[in-house]
Protein backbone atom coordinates (compact mmCIF):
# COMPACT_ATOMS: atom_id res chain seq x y z
CA MET A 1 -2.75 -31.08 13.94
CA LYS A 2 -1.04 -27.74 13.30
CA PRO A 3 -0.38 -26.88 9.66
CA LEU A 4 3.18 -27.13 8.43
CA LEU A 5 3.00 -24.00 6.26
CA SER A 6 0.90 -20.86 6.61
CA ILE A 7 0.60 -18.89 3.36
CA VAL A 8 -0.45 -15.34 4.23
CA ILE A 9 -2.02 -12.80 1.89
CA PRO A 10 -2.83 -9.34 3.25
CA THR A 11 -5.07 -7.69 0.65
CA ARG A 12 -6.97 -4.48 -0.03
CA ASN A 13 -9.39 -3.61 -2.85
CA ARG A 14 -7.91 -6.13 -5.32
CA GLN A 15 -10.61 -8.76 -4.96
CA ASN A 16 -10.43 -10.39 -8.40
CA TYR A 17 -6.68 -10.96 -8.14
CA ALA A 18 -7.01 -12.32 -4.60
CA TYR A 19 -9.88 -14.64 -5.55
CA SER A 20 -7.82 -16.19 -8.35
CA SER A 21 -4.83 -16.62 -6.03
CA ILE A 22 -7.02 -18.23 -3.35
CA LYS A 23 -8.49 -20.77 -5.78
CA SER A 24 -5.05 -21.60 -7.16
CA ILE A 25 -3.50 -22.19 -3.73
CA LEU A 26 -6.41 -24.27 -2.43
CA SER A 27 -6.07 -26.53 -5.49
CA ILE A 28 -2.79 -27.79 -3.96
CA ASN A 29 -3.62 -31.23 -2.57
CA HIS A 30 -1.91 -31.03 0.81
CA GLN A 31 -3.65 -30.92 4.19
CA SER A 32 -0.67 -29.37 6.05
CA LEU A 33 -1.21 -26.09 4.23
CA GLU A 34 -3.05 -23.12 5.73
CA LEU A 35 -4.10 -20.08 3.69
CA ILE A 36 -4.71 -16.87 5.66
CA ILE A 37 -6.45 -13.93 3.98
CA ILE A 38 -6.62 -10.61 5.83
CA ASP A 39 -8.97 -8.44 3.81
CA ASN A 40 -8.85 -4.69 4.47
CA SER A 41 -10.98 -3.74 1.48
CA ASP A 42 -13.65 -1.06 1.39
CA SER A 43 -16.30 -3.67 0.61
CA THR A 44 -17.10 -7.34 1.30
CA LYS A 45 -16.81 -8.27 -2.37
CA LEU A 46 -14.06 -10.85 -1.74
CA GLU A 47 -16.03 -12.40 1.13
CA LYS A 48 -18.96 -12.88 -1.23
CA LEU A 49 -16.72 -14.37 -3.92
CA ILE A 50 -15.40 -17.05 -1.54
CA GLU A 51 -18.63 -17.77 0.35
CA ASN A 52 -19.08 -21.11 -1.42
CA ILE A 53 -15.55 -22.30 -0.64
CA THR A 54 -15.82 -24.91 2.11
CA ASP A 55 -12.12 -25.78 2.34
CA LYS A 56 -11.21 -25.67 6.05
CA ARG A 57 -7.63 -24.73 5.18
CA LEU A 58 -8.85 -21.24 4.28
CA VAL A 59 -8.79 -18.71 7.13
CA TYR A 60 -10.49 -15.47 6.09
CA HIS A 61 -10.87 -12.29 8.16
CA TYR A 62 -12.37 -9.01 7.05
CA ASN A 63 -11.47 -5.71 8.70
CA ASN A 64 -12.53 -2.45 7.09
CA ASN A 65 -10.84 -0.18 9.63
CA PRO A 66 -8.25 1.97 7.80
CA LEU A 67 -4.93 0.10 8.04
CA SER A 68 -1.48 0.70 6.62
CA MET A 69 0.30 -2.16 4.90
CA VAL A 70 2.47 -2.62 8.00
CA HIS A 71 -0.56 -2.80 10.30
CA ASN A 72 -2.27 -5.29 7.98
CA PHE A 73 0.83 -7.52 8.01
CA ASN A 74 0.97 -7.35 11.81
CA LEU A 75 -2.71 -8.23 12.11
CA SER A 76 -2.28 -11.25 9.86
CA MET A 77 0.27 -12.85 12.19
CA LYS A 78 -2.44 -13.13 14.86
CA TYR A 79 -4.02 -15.94 12.81
CA VAL A 80 -0.89 -17.88 11.82
CA ASN A 81 -0.78 -21.46 13.10
CA GLY A 82 1.86 -22.97 10.81
CA LYS A 83 5.39 -23.98 11.75
CA TYR A 84 6.63 -22.10 8.68
CA VAL A 85 5.29 -18.86 7.20
CA CYS A 86 5.26 -17.51 3.63
CA PHE A 87 3.82 -14.10 2.72
CA ILE A 88 2.81 -13.37 -0.87
CA GLY A 89 0.86 -10.61 -2.60
CA ASP A 90 -2.74 -10.90 -3.71
CA ASP A 91 -1.65 -11.07 -7.37
CA ASP A 92 0.95 -13.81 -6.78
CA GLY A 93 0.88 -17.60 -6.85
CA ILE A 94 2.39 -20.68 -5.19
CA ASN A 95 4.13 -23.54 -7.02
CA THR A 96 2.38 -26.87 -6.39
CA GLU A 97 5.78 -28.39 -5.43
CA THR A 98 6.35 -25.93 -2.59
CA MET A 99 4.91 -28.25 0.07
CA LYS A 100 7.41 -30.95 -0.91
CA ILE A 101 10.25 -28.50 -0.27
CA VAL A 102 8.76 -27.34 3.06
CA GLU A 103 8.39 -30.97 4.21
CA TRP A 104 12.07 -31.51 3.39
CA ALA A 105 12.94 -28.32 5.30
CA ASN A 106 11.03 -29.56 8.32
CA GLU A 107 12.75 -32.96 8.22
CA ASN A 108 16.13 -31.20 8.15
CA ASN A 109 15.21 -28.60 10.81
CA LEU A 110 15.81 -25.67 8.46
CA ASP A 111 15.07 -22.17 9.76
CA ALA A 112 14.41 -20.56 6.37
CA ILE A 113 14.32 -21.25 2.64
CA ILE A 114 15.29 -18.48 0.23
CA PRO A 115 13.98 -19.26 -3.26
CA SER A 116 14.93 -17.32 -6.33
CA ASN A 117 12.05 -15.78 -8.27
CA PRO A 118 12.77 -16.87 -11.85
CA VAL A 119 9.10 -16.73 -12.88
CA THR A 120 7.12 -13.50 -13.14
CA TYR A 121 3.59 -12.92 -14.31
CA SER A 122 2.01 -9.67 -15.48
CA TRP A 123 -1.77 -9.70 -15.25
CA PRO A 124 -3.64 -8.52 -18.37
CA SER A 125 -3.84 -4.74 -18.45
CA PRO A 126 -3.95 -1.84 -20.92
CA LYS A 127 -0.19 -2.32 -21.31
CA ASN A 128 0.16 -6.10 -21.74
CA ASN A 129 -1.85 -9.20 -22.63
CA GLY A 130 -1.01 -11.42 -19.66
CA GLU A 131 2.68 -12.23 -19.95
CA MET A 132 4.60 -14.87 -17.99
CA ILE A 133 8.42 -14.90 -18.15
CA ILE A 134 10.43 -17.93 -17.05
CA TYR A 135 14.10 -17.19 -16.48
CA PRO A 136 16.70 -20.01 -16.34
CA PHE A 137 17.01 -21.83 -12.99
CA ASP A 138 19.12 -24.84 -11.99
CA ARG A 139 17.49 -26.11 -8.71
CA LYS A 140 20.81 -25.73 -6.89
CA ILE A 141 20.58 -25.66 -3.08
CA VAL A 142 23.20 -23.69 -1.11
CA LYS A 143 23.71 -23.36 2.65
CA GLU A 144 23.77 -19.69 3.64
CA ASP A 145 25.77 -17.95 6.38
CA VAL A 146 23.28 -15.30 7.48
CA LYS A 147 25.67 -13.44 9.79
CA LYS A 148 28.28 -13.16 7.02
CA ASN A 149 25.65 -12.21 4.44
CA LEU A 150 24.24 -9.53 6.72
CA ASN A 151 27.65 -7.87 6.96
CA LEU A 152 28.04 -8.01 3.17
CA PHE A 153 24.61 -6.43 2.85
CA PHE A 154 25.63 -3.56 5.13
CA LYS A 155 28.87 -3.08 3.22
CA SER A 156 26.93 -2.83 -0.06
CA GLY A 157 24.75 0.02 1.20
CA ALA A 158 21.91 -1.93 2.90
CA ILE A 159 19.29 -1.71 0.15
CA TYR A 160 19.07 -4.79 -2.07
CA TYR A 161 18.56 -7.41 0.63
CA ARG A 162 17.32 -10.01 -1.85
CA ASP A 163 20.83 -10.27 -3.32
CA TYR A 164 22.56 -11.31 -0.09
CA GLY A 165 21.23 -14.65 1.13
CA LEU A 166 19.05 -13.24 3.92
CA PRO A 167 15.76 -14.81 5.06
CA LYS A 168 12.84 -13.49 3.05
CA VAL A 169 9.37 -13.36 4.58
CA TYR A 170 7.89 -12.23 1.25
CA HIS A 171 8.13 -14.96 -1.39
CA GLY A 172 10.31 -16.93 1.02
CA VAL A 173 9.71 -19.39 3.85
CA VAL A 174 10.70 -18.69 7.47
CA LYS A 175 10.05 -20.57 10.70
CA LYS A 176 7.42 -18.82 12.78
CA GLU A 177 9.65 -19.00 15.84
CA TYR A 178 11.89 -16.33 14.26
CA PHE A 179 8.93 -14.01 13.79
CA ASP A 180 8.21 -14.64 17.47
CA LYS A 181 11.76 -13.67 18.44
CA VAL A 182 11.15 -10.25 16.86
CA PHE A 183 7.76 -9.94 18.55
CA ASP A 184 9.19 -10.89 21.96
CA LYS A 185 11.74 -8.08 21.59
CA LEU A 186 9.52 -5.36 20.10
CA GLY A 187 5.90 -6.26 20.77
CA TYR A 188 5.19 -6.32 17.00
CA TYR A 189 6.37 -8.32 14.00
CA PHE A 190 6.62 -5.63 11.33
CA GLY A 191 7.63 -1.99 11.36
CA GLY A 192 9.17 0.62 9.10
CA LEU A 193 7.37 1.38 5.85
CA SER A 194 8.15 -1.80 3.92
CA PRO A 195 7.16 -4.77 6.13
CA ASP A 196 9.08 -7.41 4.19
CA ILE A 197 12.50 -5.76 4.41
CA PHE A 198 11.90 -4.74 8.04
CA ALA A 199 11.16 -8.35 8.99
CA SER A 200 14.00 -9.74 6.87
CA ILE A 201 16.62 -7.57 8.58
CA ALA A 202 15.08 -7.96 12.04
CA ILE A 203 15.02 -11.77 11.73
CA SER A 204 18.56 -11.81 10.32
CA THR A 205 19.91 -10.07 13.45
CA PHE A 206 19.03 -13.25 15.38
CA HIS A 207 21.38 -15.16 13.01
CA PRO A 208 19.30 -18.22 12.09
CA LYS A 209 21.86 -20.96 11.42
CA ASN A 210 20.06 -23.46 9.19
CA VAL A 211 19.19 -21.39 6.14
CA VAL A 212 19.37 -22.44 2.50
CA SER A 213 18.81 -20.73 -0.83
CA ILE A 214 17.35 -22.65 -3.75
CA ASP A 215 17.37 -21.56 -7.39
CA TYR A 216 13.81 -22.61 -8.06
CA PRO A 217 10.39 -20.91 -8.40
CA MET A 218 8.52 -21.77 -5.20
CA THR A 219 6.26 -18.83 -6.01
CA ILE A 220 5.25 -16.74 -9.01
CA ALA A 221 5.73 -13.01 -8.51
CA GLY A 222 2.71 -11.33 -10.01
CA THR A 223 2.45 -7.72 -11.08
CA SER A 224 -0.67 -5.82 -12.03
CA TYR A 225 -1.59 -2.46 -13.51
CA GLU A 226 -2.70 -1.23 -10.07
CA SER A 227 0.53 -2.23 -8.31
CA ASP A 228 2.63 -0.58 -11.04
CA GLN A 229 0.90 2.73 -10.32
CA THR A 230 2.57 2.75 -6.88
CA HIS A 231 6.12 3.23 -8.13
CA GLU A 232 6.47 2.68 -11.91
CA THR A 233 4.73 5.74 -13.34
CA ASP A 234 6.46 9.08 -13.91
CA GLU A 235 4.07 10.61 -11.39
CA ALA A 236 5.09 8.05 -8.75
CA LYS A 237 8.80 8.53 -9.44
CA ASN A 238 8.47 12.29 -8.95
CA MET A 239 6.33 12.03 -5.84
CA GLN A 240 7.24 13.97 -2.72
CA LEU A 241 8.15 11.76 0.22
CA ASN A 242 5.30 12.95 2.43
CA ASN A 243 2.82 11.90 -0.28
CA ALA A 244 4.15 8.33 -0.52
CA PRO A 245 1.42 5.65 -0.22
CA HIS A 246 3.47 3.92 2.49
CA PHE A 247 2.46 6.66 4.96
CA LYS A 248 -1.27 6.19 4.40
CA ASN A 249 -2.92 5.25 7.73
CA ARG A 250 0.58 4.67 9.17
CA GLY A 251 0.18 7.25 11.94
CA PRO A 252 3.07 9.39 13.28
CA TYR A 253 6.34 8.24 11.75
CA LYS A 254 9.91 9.37 12.26
CA TRP A 255 12.07 8.99 9.14
CA SER A 256 15.60 7.78 9.91
CA LYS A 257 18.31 10.44 9.95
CA TYR A 258 20.61 8.01 8.11
CA VAL A 259 18.55 8.04 4.89
CA PRO A 260 17.95 10.95 2.47
CA SER A 261 14.35 12.11 2.82
CA VAL A 262 13.36 11.51 -0.81
CA TYR A 263 10.85 9.06 -2.24
CA SER A 264 12.04 6.02 -4.20
CA VAL A 265 11.93 2.26 -3.86
CA SER A 266 15.56 2.32 -2.69
CA SER A 267 15.01 4.97 -0.02
CA ILE A 268 11.94 3.16 1.36
CA TRP A 269 13.87 -0.13 1.49
CA ALA A 270 16.94 1.44 3.10
CA GLU A 271 14.86 3.31 5.65
CA SER A 272 12.81 0.24 6.60
CA GLY A 273 15.91 -1.92 7.06
CA ILE A 274 17.61 0.71 9.19
CA HIS A 275 14.36 1.23 11.09
CA ALA A 276 14.48 -2.43 12.09
CA LEU A 277 17.97 -1.94 13.51
CA GLU A 278 16.92 1.26 15.31
CA ASP A 279 13.88 -0.43 16.84
CA LEU A 280 16.04 -3.33 18.00
CA SER A 281 18.64 -0.88 19.43
CA ARG A 282 21.34 -2.33 17.16
CA THR A 283 23.31 0.85 16.54
CA ASP A 284 26.41 -1.36 16.34
CA LEU A 285 25.03 -2.77 13.10
CA ILE A 286 23.95 0.62 11.76
CA HIS A 287 27.57 1.76 12.04
CA LYS A 288 28.57 -1.09 9.70
CA ILE A 289 26.42 0.30 6.86
CA ASN A 290 28.24 2.02 4.03
CA ILE A 291 26.06 5.14 4.08
CA ASN A 292 27.84 6.76 1.12
CA THR A 293 27.09 3.77 -1.11
CA MET A 294 23.48 3.69 0.11
CA VAL A 295 23.00 7.37 -0.72
CA VAL A 296 24.51 7.00 -4.19
CA GLU A 297 22.31 3.96 -4.90
CA ILE A 298 19.25 6.07 -4.04
CA GLY A 299 20.52 8.84 -6.30
CA LEU A 300 21.09 6.39 -9.15
CA GLU A 301 17.53 5.15 -8.94
CA SER A 302 16.02 8.61 -8.68
CA PRO A 303 18.31 11.07 -10.53
CA GLN A 304 15.60 13.73 -10.22
CA ASN A 305 16.43 13.80 -6.48
CA GLU A 306 20.20 13.92 -6.89
CA LYS A 307 20.56 17.67 -6.36
CA GLN A 308 18.39 17.55 -3.25
CA ILE A 309 20.45 14.67 -1.86
CA LEU A 310 23.72 16.52 -2.47
CA ASP A 311 22.41 19.82 -1.12
CA THR A 312 20.72 18.56 2.03
CA PHE A 313 22.04 15.17 3.08
CA PHE A 314 25.79 15.57 2.91
CA ASN A 315 27.72 17.96 5.12
CA PRO A 316 27.62 21.34 3.32
CA LYS A 317 31.28 21.92 4.16
CA ASN A 318 33.83 20.83 1.56
CA LYS A 319 31.22 20.96 -1.19
CA LEU A 320 33.72 20.12 -3.91
CA VAL A 321 35.02 17.09 -2.03
CA LYS A 322 31.52 15.69 -1.35
CA HIS A 323 30.51 16.11 -5.00
CA LEU A 324 33.70 14.43 -6.19
CA ARG A 325 33.26 11.50 -3.80
CA TYR A 326 29.60 11.11 -4.75
CA HIS A 327 30.32 10.98 -8.48
CA LEU A 328 33.30 8.65 -8.06
CA ILE A 329 31.10 6.17 -6.17
CA LYS A 330 28.31 6.64 -8.71
CA ASN A 331 30.54 5.88 -11.69
CA SER A 332 32.03 2.88 -9.90
CA LEU A 333 28.57 1.47 -9.17
CA ARG A 334 27.43 2.11 -12.74
CA PHE A 335 30.44 0.21 -14.08
CA LYS A 336 29.85 -2.73 -11.71
CA LYS A 337 26.17 -2.95 -12.68
CA LEU A 338 27.02 -2.79 -16.40
CA LEU A 339 29.73 -5.45 -16.00
CA LYS A 340 27.34 -7.68 -14.09
CA ARG A 341 24.73 -7.43 -16.87
CA ILE A 342 27.34 -8.18 -19.56
CA ILE A 343 28.67 -11.22 -17.68
CA SER A 344 25.15 -12.49 -17.01
CA LYS A 345 24.17 -12.15 -20.67
CA PHE A 346 27.45 -13.79 -21.79
CA LEU A 347 26.89 -16.76 -19.47
CA ARG A 348 23.32 -17.23 -20.71
CA ILE A 349 24.61 -17.35 -24.29
CA ILE A 350 27.49 -19.71 -23.48
CA LEU A 351 25.34 -22.04 -21.37
CA GLY A 352 22.46 -21.90 -23.80
CA ASN A 353 20.04 -20.72 -21.13
CA LYS A 354 16.98 -19.23 -22.73
CA THR A 355 14.31 -17.01 -21.25
CA ILE A 356 10.82 -18.31 -22.02
CA THR A 357 7.91 -15.92 -22.57
CA ILE A 358 4.28 -17.08 -22.65
CA ASN A 359 1.54 -14.61 -23.52
CA LYS A 360 -2.25 -14.38 -23.26
CA ILE A 361 -2.46 -15.83 -19.75
CA GLN A 362 -5.63 -14.56 -18.13
CA SER A 363 -5.06 -15.36 -14.43
CA ILE A 364 -2.57 -16.59 -11.84
CA GLU A 365 -4.38 -19.95 -11.84
CA ILE A 366 -3.55 -20.47 -15.49
CA ALA A 367 -0.01 -19.11 -14.98
CA ILE A 368 0.65 -21.73 -12.28
CA LYS A 369 -0.58 -24.51 -14.57
CA LYS A 370 1.55 -23.25 -17.47
CA MET A 371 4.61 -23.05 -15.22
CA SER A 372 4.00 -26.58 -13.89
CA ASN A 373 3.67 -27.89 -17.45
CA TYR A 374 6.97 -26.23 -18.37
CA ILE A 375 8.70 -27.70 -15.30
CA ASN A 376 7.35 -31.22 -15.98
CA LYS A 377 8.12 -31.11 -19.69
CA ASN A 378 11.75 -30.07 -19.08
CA ASN A 379 12.34 -32.40 -16.10
CA LEU A 380 12.95 -29.47 -13.74
CA ASN A 381 10.98 -30.88 -10.84
CA ILE A 382 12.34 -30.93 -7.31
CA ASP A 383 13.01 -34.66 -6.97
CA GLU A 384 14.26 -36.78 -4.08
CA GLU A 385 17.80 -36.93 -5.47
CA ILE A 386 18.13 -33.14 -5.26
CA LEU A 387 16.72 -33.01 -1.74
CA ARG A 388 18.97 -35.86 -0.52
CA LYS A 389 22.17 -33.99 -1.37
CA LYS A 390 24.21 -32.93 1.64
CA LEU A 391 24.31 -29.20 2.28
């Protein structure tokens, strides 16, 4: 019998995190789950750590050939057997109730489930003592119009795809048949520099019709000291684009002409999303993107690159006009972001929604147990009554 859900973890040189995640996921008592580990580490340390695990749901493959993140994600799809697919990182975790939700999705022929990520976990490091934060969530399920949401995403500048009700392959659940639609068209599942946003936008262009979002933690988003070094440090924020880790082992790569050639999270996301449209020959959709807003968003995130963006990306003619337009958009976006934060904080106070912080958690296994205890204690489980509601 084919598994219902394939959980996929591409990993490299983070064996202790991955081992904890593997043990946590395999503790879920459900035989329709498959866990795929694609290990591109420099050593077989992880293989040795799991050698006594006899659970047949675990599919482990080791490949020490130098691979980029995109290539590792593509390789992992070769081993997927599940009807639905969920990618997570090697420092992340899966809620024990996730299989109940996926079973419900299968019964209702859903194409994708978009969970919120109201629970985050920071592994112990020199900067923290193992902190889990649980943000308020209400378990509400909403039917999403992917085609409409995709257009709103383009209008907003085509960066923050997680805010627009689009299928998520990373910390979300998507039917494998939609991955296959991308593969049938391109000959690969993932491209660009950020595989999750590439796949999200590529899959969305096929307009899956039965998609829901759910305000519930199906996964725990983990962060670690090593992952923070990629983009959180001052050194990372001031990195030149050609030194970005995303290019490591990527091979020849042509950066999109629509995106300023500076390094930031926003520029990598924007470029990968647009790359998906370019690879799929969807220039009609590229023309829907508000490029000015996209460029300003990149400048807001990386102000150290603002002068370079203004000097090189915009048409050098009418310098005064381009500067004026840029700063008008920037101030407008700043105001909207500030207003959004104020409203969000006001609503939390009015509704009495509190953020819960739990410290001294030593691993993702313990974090999952602590989260489950919190959910059970506060009657926040996904029960049959919630799943029976009409969409």
